[in-house]
Amino acid sequence: MAPKVKVTKEMVADASFEVIRANGHENLSARTLSEYLGCSTQPVLYTYKTVDEIREAAYVLADRYHTEYIMPKETDDNPMLALGLNYVRFGHEEKNLFRFLFQTDKFGGKDVETLLSDPELSGILEVISSAMKVDLEQAREMFLAFFCVAHGLASLLANNSMEYDEGQCRKMLENVFFGMAAAKSMKGN
């Protein structure tokens, strides 16, 4: 008789992240997890009481993965542009995770004001403020415009409504970024 595999919360969370990444959040169930883990549904539902709890654990992992994915490298000439391109690329390469994070009411229900109030954004706003020689409120406005374009591109890509062309995406993001910089200098701010 084969020994029973001990299924842990971490194993179920990791498996849920992988199932969502490969097949979409719509296909996450105790059955798909048990198949992925090679066990019955009982250990899956023993570690978490509901599939919603499992989705919440997967969301935390997906959010962490997304944050690491989009962060610019120290070698990037323009960290803001790199962040935007990475965000767009995530929508293209990780369609299922993007839709799970940003296009489900249950988990993606953060509005733009909540996003802009996130303490983790303060570092990005400080970089923009310093690089563009603007105050934090102006940096916030610049980030919002840039984010809306990047998010729109990523959403179109995640939903197969646009073909991925990195050069075209880069040009659109550069137009927004440098357009904001030109507008700022024309205003004399």
C-alpha atoms as a PDB file:
ATOM      1  CA  MET A   1       0.000   0.000   0.000  1.00  0.00           C
ATOM      2  CA  ALA A   2       1.398   3.380  -1.040  1.00  0.00           C
ATOM      3  CA  PRO A   3       1.969   5.884   1.757  1.00  0.00           C
ATOM      4  CA  LYS A   4      -0.538   8.741   1.985  1.00  0.00           C
ATOM      5  CA  VAL A   5       0.725  12.080   0.847  1.00  0.00           C
ATOM      6  CA  LYS A   6       0.364  14.770   3.481  1.00  0.00           C
ATOM      7  CA  VAL A   7      -1.315  17.742   1.839  1.00  0.00           C
ATOM      8  CA  THR A   8      -0.467  21.075   3.445  1.00  0.00           C
ATOM      9  CA  LYS A   9      -2.081  24.510   3.138  1.00  0.00           C
ATOM     10  CA  GLU A  10       0.982  25.711   1.255  1.00  0.00           C
ATOM     11  CA  MET A  11       0.695  22.829  -1.228  1.00  0.00           C
ATOM     12  CA  VAL A  12      -2.976  23.634  -1.875  1.00  0.00           C
ATOM     13  CA  ALA A  13      -2.260  27.363  -2.250  1.00  0.00           C
ATOM     14  CA  ASP A  14       0.641  26.688  -4.633  1.00  0.00           C
ATOM     15  CA  ALA A  15      -1.473  24.244  -6.623  1.00  0.00           C
ATOM     16  CA  SER A  16      -4.356  26.718  -6.842  1.00  0.00           C
ATOM     17  CA  PHE A  17      -1.979  29.387  -8.181  1.00  0.00           C
ATOM     18  CA  GLU A  18      -0.702  26.950 -10.834  1.00  0.00           C
ATOM     19  CA  VAL A  19      -4.202  25.761 -11.812  1.00  0.00           C
ATOM     20  CA  ILE A  20      -5.383  29.359 -12.204  1.00  0.00           C
ATOM     21  CA  ARG A  21      -2.232  30.303 -14.099  1.00  0.00           C
ATOM     22  CA  ALA A  22      -2.641  27.411 -16.542  1.00  0.00           C
ATOM     23  CA  ASN A  23      -6.430  27.126 -16.848  1.00  0.00           C
ATOM     24  CA  GLY A  24      -8.036  30.289 -15.467  1.00  0.00           C
ATOM     25  CA  HIS A  25      -9.783  31.014 -12.188  1.00  0.00           C
ATOM     26  CA  GLU A  26     -13.064  29.702 -13.616  1.00  0.00           C
ATOM     27  CA  ASN A  27     -11.583  26.200 -13.594  1.00  0.00           C
ATOM     28  CA  LEU A  28     -10.453  26.164  -9.980  1.00  0.00           C
ATOM     29  CA  SER A  29     -12.310  23.547  -7.950  1.00  0.00           C
ATOM     30  CA  ALA A  30     -11.590  20.977  -5.280  1.00  0.00           C
ATOM     31  CA  ARG A  31     -11.584  18.374  -8.049  1.00  0.00           C
ATOM     32  CA  THR A  32      -9.042  20.178 -10.267  1.00  0.00           C
ATOM     33  CA  LEU A  33      -6.819  20.737  -7.239  1.00  0.00           C
ATOM     34  CA  SER A  34      -7.047  17.124  -6.145  1.00  0.00           C
ATOM     35  CA  GLU A  35      -6.121  16.010  -9.671  1.00  0.00           C
ATOM     36  CA  TYR A  36      -3.179  18.414  -9.702  1.00  0.00           C
ATOM     37  CA  LEU A  37      -1.998  17.213  -6.274  1.00  0.00           C
ATOM     38  CA  GLY A  38      -2.686  13.534  -6.984  1.00  0.00           C
ATOM     39  CA  CYS A  39      -5.016  13.046  -4.022  1.00  0.00           C
ATOM     40  CA  SER A  40      -8.712  12.928  -3.269  1.00  0.00           C
ATOM     41  CA  THR A  41     -10.742  16.073  -2.644  1.00  0.00           C
ATOM     42  CA  GLN A  42     -10.847  15.358   1.101  1.00  0.00           C
ATOM     43  CA  PRO A  43      -7.334  16.650   1.937  1.00  0.00           C
ATOM     44  CA  VAL A  44      -7.908  19.727  -0.223  1.00  0.00           C
ATOM     45  CA  LEU A  45     -11.078  20.656   1.621  1.00  0.00           C
ATOM     46  CA  TYR A  46      -9.548  19.709   4.955  1.00  0.00           C
ATOM     47  CA  THR A  47      -6.803  22.316   4.644  1.00  0.00           C
ATOM     48  CA  TYR A  48      -9.246  25.026   3.485  1.00  0.00           C
ATOM     49  CA  LYS A  49     -12.941  24.892   4.277  1.00  0.00           C
ATOM     50  CA  THR A  50     -14.145  26.398   0.987  1.00  0.00           C
ATOM     51  CA  VAL A  51     -12.911  26.977  -2.536  1.00  0.00           C
ATOM     52  CA  ASP A  52     -13.322  30.721  -1.890  1.00  0.00           C
ATOM     53  CA  GLU A  53     -10.709  30.463   0.876  1.00  0.00           C
ATOM     54  CA  ILE A  54      -8.446  28.671  -1.582  1.00  0.00           C
ATOM     55  CA  ARG A  55      -9.001  31.459  -4.157  1.00  0.00           C
ATOM     56  CA  GLU A  56      -8.014  34.041  -1.542  1.00  0.00           C
ATOM     57  CA  ALA A  57      -4.753  32.175  -0.880  1.00  0.00           C
ATOM     58  CA  ALA A  58      -4.102  31.948  -4.634  1.00  0.00           C
ATOM     59  CA  TYR A  59      -4.783  35.672  -4.978  1.00  0.00           C
ATOM     60  CA  VAL A  60      -2.060  36.492  -2.454  1.00  0.00           C
ATOM     61  CA  LEU A  61       0.433  34.367  -4.406  1.00  0.00           C
ATOM     62  CA  ALA A  62      -0.669  35.800  -7.760  1.00  0.00           C
ATOM     63  CA  ASP A  63      -0.408  39.362  -6.446  1.00  0.00           C
ATOM     64  CA  ARG A  64       3.104  38.726  -5.133  1.00  0.00           C
ATOM     65  CA  TYR A  65       4.124  37.129  -8.435  1.00  0.00           C
ATOM     66  CA  HIS A  66       2.683  40.082 -10.378  1.00  0.00           C
ATOM     67  CA  THR A  67       4.532  42.627  -8.236  1.00  0.00           C
ATOM     68  CA  GLU A  68       7.857  40.848  -8.738  1.00  0.00           C
ATOM     69  CA  TYR A  69       7.169  40.471 -12.473  1.00  0.00           C
ATOM     70  CA  ILE A  70       6.496  44.139 -13.193  1.00  0.00           C
ATOM     71  CA  MET A  71       9.186  45.801 -11.072  1.00  0.00           C
ATOM     72  CA  PRO A  72      11.846  47.576 -13.142  1.00  0.00           C
ATOM     73  CA  LYS A  73      15.452  46.439 -12.977  1.00  0.00           C
ATOM     74  CA  GLU A  74      18.165  48.754 -11.671  1.00  0.00           C
ATOM     75  CA  THR A  75      19.688  48.766 -15.164  1.00  0.00           C
ATOM     76  CA  ASP A  76      16.541  50.173 -16.826  1.00  0.00           C
ATOM     77  CA  ASP A  77      17.141  53.675 -18.219  1.00  0.00           C
ATOM     78  CA  ASN A  78      13.559  54.764 -17.610  1.00  0.00           C
ATOM     79  CA  PRO A  79      12.048  52.881 -14.640  1.00  0.00           C
ATOM     80  CA  MET A  80       8.562  54.262 -15.300  1.00  0.00           C
ATOM     81  CA  LEU A  81       8.581  53.068 -18.903  1.00  0.00           C
ATOM     82  CA  ALA A  82      10.023  49.701 -17.844  1.00  0.00           C
ATOM     83  CA  LEU A  83       7.287  49.304 -15.223  1.00  0.00           C
ATOM     84  CA  GLY A  84       4.623  50.044 -17.836  1.00  0.00           C
ATOM     85  CA  LEU A  85       6.104  47.671 -20.395  1.00  0.00           C
ATOM     86  CA  ASN A  86       6.425  44.920 -17.797  1.00  0.00           C
ATOM     87  CA  TYR A  87       2.785  45.459 -16.800  1.00  0.00           C
ATOM     88  CA  VAL A  88       1.666  45.227 -20.428  1.00  0.00           C
ATOM     89  CA  ARG A  89       3.850  42.153 -21.006  1.00  0.00           C
ATOM     90  CA  PHE A  90       2.273  40.519 -17.931  1.00  0.00           C
ATOM     91  CA  GLY A  91      -1.181  40.979 -19.511  1.00  0.00           C
ATOM     92  CA  HIS A  92       0.106  39.276 -22.647  1.00  0.00           C
ATOM     93  CA  GLU A  93       2.163  36.449 -21.102  1.00  0.00           C
ATOM     94  CA  GLU A  94       0.070  35.725 -18.011  1.00  0.00           C
ATOM     95  CA  LYS A  95      -3.465  36.211 -19.339  1.00  0.00           C
ATOM     96  CA  ASN A  96      -5.165  33.982 -16.774  1.00  0.00           C
ATOM     97  CA  LEU A  97      -3.387  35.584 -13.830  1.00  0.00           C
ATOM     98  CA  PHE A  98      -4.072  39.085 -15.148  1.00  0.00           C
ATOM     99  CA  ARG A  99      -7.791  38.375 -15.486  1.00  0.00           C
ATOM    100  CA  PHE A 100      -7.847  36.768 -12.031  1.00  0.00           C
ATOM    101  CA  LEU A 101      -6.105  39.734 -10.402  1.00  0.00           C
ATOM    102  CA  PHE A 102      -7.790  42.599 -12.221  1.00  0.00           C
ATOM    103  CA  GLN A 103     -10.988  41.431 -13.851  1.00  0.00           C
ATOM    104  CA  THR A 104     -12.850  39.521 -11.178  1.00  0.00           C
ATOM    105  CA  ASP A 105     -15.197  41.461  -8.919  1.00  0.00           C
ATOM    106  CA  LYS A 106     -14.378  39.436  -5.861  1.00  0.00           C
ATOM    107  CA  PHE A 107     -10.647  40.080  -5.869  1.00  0.00           C
ATOM    108  CA  GLY A 108     -10.005  42.928  -8.285  1.00  0.00           C
ATOM    109  CA  GLY A 109     -12.444  45.316  -6.645  1.00  0.00           C
ATOM    110  CA  LYS A 110      -9.840  47.969  -5.884  1.00  0.00           C
ATOM    111  CA  ASP A 111     -10.739  51.289  -7.447  1.00  0.00           C
ATOM    112  CA  VAL A 112      -8.124  53.659  -8.830  1.00  0.00           C
ATOM    113  CA  GLU A 113      -8.212  55.870  -5.703  1.00  0.00           C
ATOM    114  CA  THR A 114      -7.389  52.835  -3.565  1.00  0.00           C
ATOM    115  CA  LEU A 115      -4.517  51.992  -5.900  1.00  0.00           C
ATOM    116  CA  LEU A 116      -3.169  55.530  -5.733  1.00  0.00           C
ATOM    117  CA  SER A 117      -3.380  55.479  -1.922  1.00  0.00           C
ATOM    118  CA  ASP A 118      -1.412  52.227  -1.650  1.00  0.00           C
ATOM    119  CA  PRO A 119       1.713  52.833   0.481  1.00  0.00           C
ATOM    120  CA  GLU A 120       3.730  50.629  -1.888  1.00  0.00           C
ATOM    121  CA  LEU A 121       3.133  53.200  -4.635  1.00  0.00           C
ATOM    122  CA  SER A 122       4.869  55.981  -2.709  1.00  0.00           C
ATOM    123  CA  GLY A 123       8.324  54.817  -3.842  1.00  0.00           C
ATOM    124  CA  ILE A 124       7.265  54.940  -7.486  1.00  0.00           C
ATOM    125  CA  LEU A 125       5.745  58.406  -7.014  1.00  0.00           C
ATOM    126  CA  GLU A 126       8.961  59.632  -5.411  1.00  0.00           C
ATOM    127  CA  VAL A 127      10.986  58.360  -8.394  1.00  0.00           C
ATOM    128  CA  ILE A 128       8.638  60.143 -10.819  1.00  0.00           C
ATOM    129  CA  SER A 129       8.713  63.296  -8.704  1.00  0.00           C
ATOM    130  CA  SER A 130      12.497  63.363  -8.651  1.00  0.00           C
ATOM    131  CA  ALA A 131      13.025  62.403 -12.304  1.00  0.00           C
ATOM    132  CA  MET A 132      10.415  64.816 -13.641  1.00  0.00           C
ATOM    133  CA  LYS A 133      11.107  67.561 -11.076  1.00  0.00           C
ATOM    134  CA  VAL A 134       7.470  67.749 -10.007  1.00  0.00           C
ATOM    135  CA  ASP A 135       5.763  67.600  -6.629  1.00  0.00           C
ATOM    136  CA  LEU A 136       4.136  64.383  -5.390  1.00  0.00           C
ATOM    137  CA  GLU A 137       0.633  65.450  -6.450  1.00  0.00           C
ATOM    138  CA  GLN A 138       1.825  66.078 -10.017  1.00  0.00           C
ATOM    139  CA  ALA A 139       3.690  62.754  -9.945  1.00  0.00           C
ATOM    140  CA  ARG A 140       0.457  61.095  -8.847  1.00  0.00           C
ATOM    141  CA  GLU A 141      -1.418  62.650 -11.802  1.00  0.00           C
ATOM    142  CA  MET A 142       1.301  61.521 -14.203  1.00  0.00           C
ATOM    143  CA  PHE A 143       1.241  58.008 -12.815  1.00  0.00           C
ATOM    144  CA  LEU A 144      -2.556  57.839 -13.138  1.00  0.00           C
ATOM    145  CA  ALA A 145      -2.507  58.765 -16.835  1.00  0.00           C
ATOM    146  CA  PHE A 146       0.362  56.378 -17.522  1.00  0.00           C
ATOM    147  CA  PHE A 147      -1.281  53.569 -15.527  1.00  0.00           C
ATOM    148  CA  CYS A 148      -4.593  53.934 -17.381  1.00  0.00           C
ATOM    149  CA  VAL A 149      -2.877  53.454 -20.742  1.00  0.00           C
ATOM    150  CA  ALA A 150      -0.728  50.537 -19.516  1.00  0.00           C
ATOM    151  CA  HIS A 151      -3.729  48.847 -17.877  1.00  0.00           C
ATOM    152  CA  GLY A 152      -5.822  49.325 -21.007  1.00  0.00           C
ATOM    153  CA  LEU A 153      -3.152  47.721 -23.180  1.00  0.00           C
ATOM    154  CA  ALA A 154      -2.659  44.844 -20.732  1.00  0.00           C
ATOM    155  CA  SER A 155      -6.432  44.265 -20.546  1.00  0.00           C
ATOM    156  CA  LEU A 156      -6.754  44.176 -24.323  1.00  0.00           C
ATOM    157  CA  LEU A 157      -3.912  41.674 -24.517  1.00  0.00           C
ATOM    158  CA  ALA A 158      -5.216  39.505 -21.660  1.00  0.00           C
ATOM    159  CA  ASN A 159      -8.581  39.241 -23.392  1.00  0.00           C
ATOM    160  CA  ASN A 160      -7.146  38.499 -26.848  1.00  0.00           C
ATOM    161  CA  SER A 161      -8.533  41.758 -28.239  1.00  0.00           C
ATOM    162  CA  MET A 162      -5.172  42.940 -29.526  1.00  0.00           C
ATOM    163  CA  GLU A 163      -2.073  41.359 -31.037  1.00  0.00           C
ATOM    164  CA  TYR A 164       1.056  41.842 -28.955  1.00  0.00           C
ATOM    165  CA  ASP A 165       3.574  44.133 -30.600  1.00  0.00           C
ATOM    166  CA  GLU A 166       6.164  45.268 -28.078  1.00  0.00           C
ATOM    167  CA  GLY A 167       7.358  48.105 -30.295  1.00  0.00           C
ATOM    168  CA  GLN A 168       3.845  49.471 -30.676  1.00  0.00           C
ATOM    169  CA  CYS A 169       3.172  49.163 -26.936  1.00  0.00           C
ATOM    170  CA  ARG A 170       6.476  50.872 -26.142  1.00  0.00           C
ATOM    171  CA  LYS A 171       5.641  53.721 -28.527  1.00  0.00           C
ATOM    172  CA  MET A 172       2.220  54.275 -26.937  1.00  0.00           C
ATOM    173  CA  LEU A 173       3.690  54.312 -23.438  1.00  0.00           C
ATOM    174  CA  GLU A 174       6.523  56.618 -24.521  1.00  0.00           C
ATOM    175  CA  ASN A 175       3.996  58.984 -26.119  1.00  0.00           C
ATOM    176  CA  VAL A 176       2.076  59.193 -22.850  1.00  0.00           C
ATOM    177  CA  PHE A 177       5.185  59.524 -20.699  1.00  0.00           C
ATOM    178  CA  PHE A 178       7.011  62.074 -22.839  1.00  0.00           C
ATOM    179  CA  GLY A 179       3.752  63.870 -23.628  1.00  0.00           C
ATOM    180  CA  MET A 180       3.228  64.379 -19.898  1.00  0.00           C
ATOM    181  CA  ALA A 181       6.799  65.637 -19.576  1.00  0.00           C
ATOM    182  CA  ALA A 182       6.310  68.076 -22.474  1.00  0.00           C
ATOM    183  CA  ALA A 183       3.004  69.302 -21.056  1.00  0.00           C
ATOM    184  CA  LYS A 184       4.680  69.855 -17.692  1.00  0.00           C
ATOM    185  CA  SER A 185       7.486  71.918 -19.241  1.00  0.00           C
ATOM    186  CA  MET A 186       5.031  73.953 -21.344  1.00  0.00           C
ATOM    187  CA  LYS A 187       3.105  74.856 -18.199  1.00  0.00           C
ATOM    188  CA  GLY A 188       6.361  75.843 -16.545  1.00  0.00           C
ATOM    189  CA  ASN A 189       5.680  73.647 -13.492  1.00  0.00           C
END
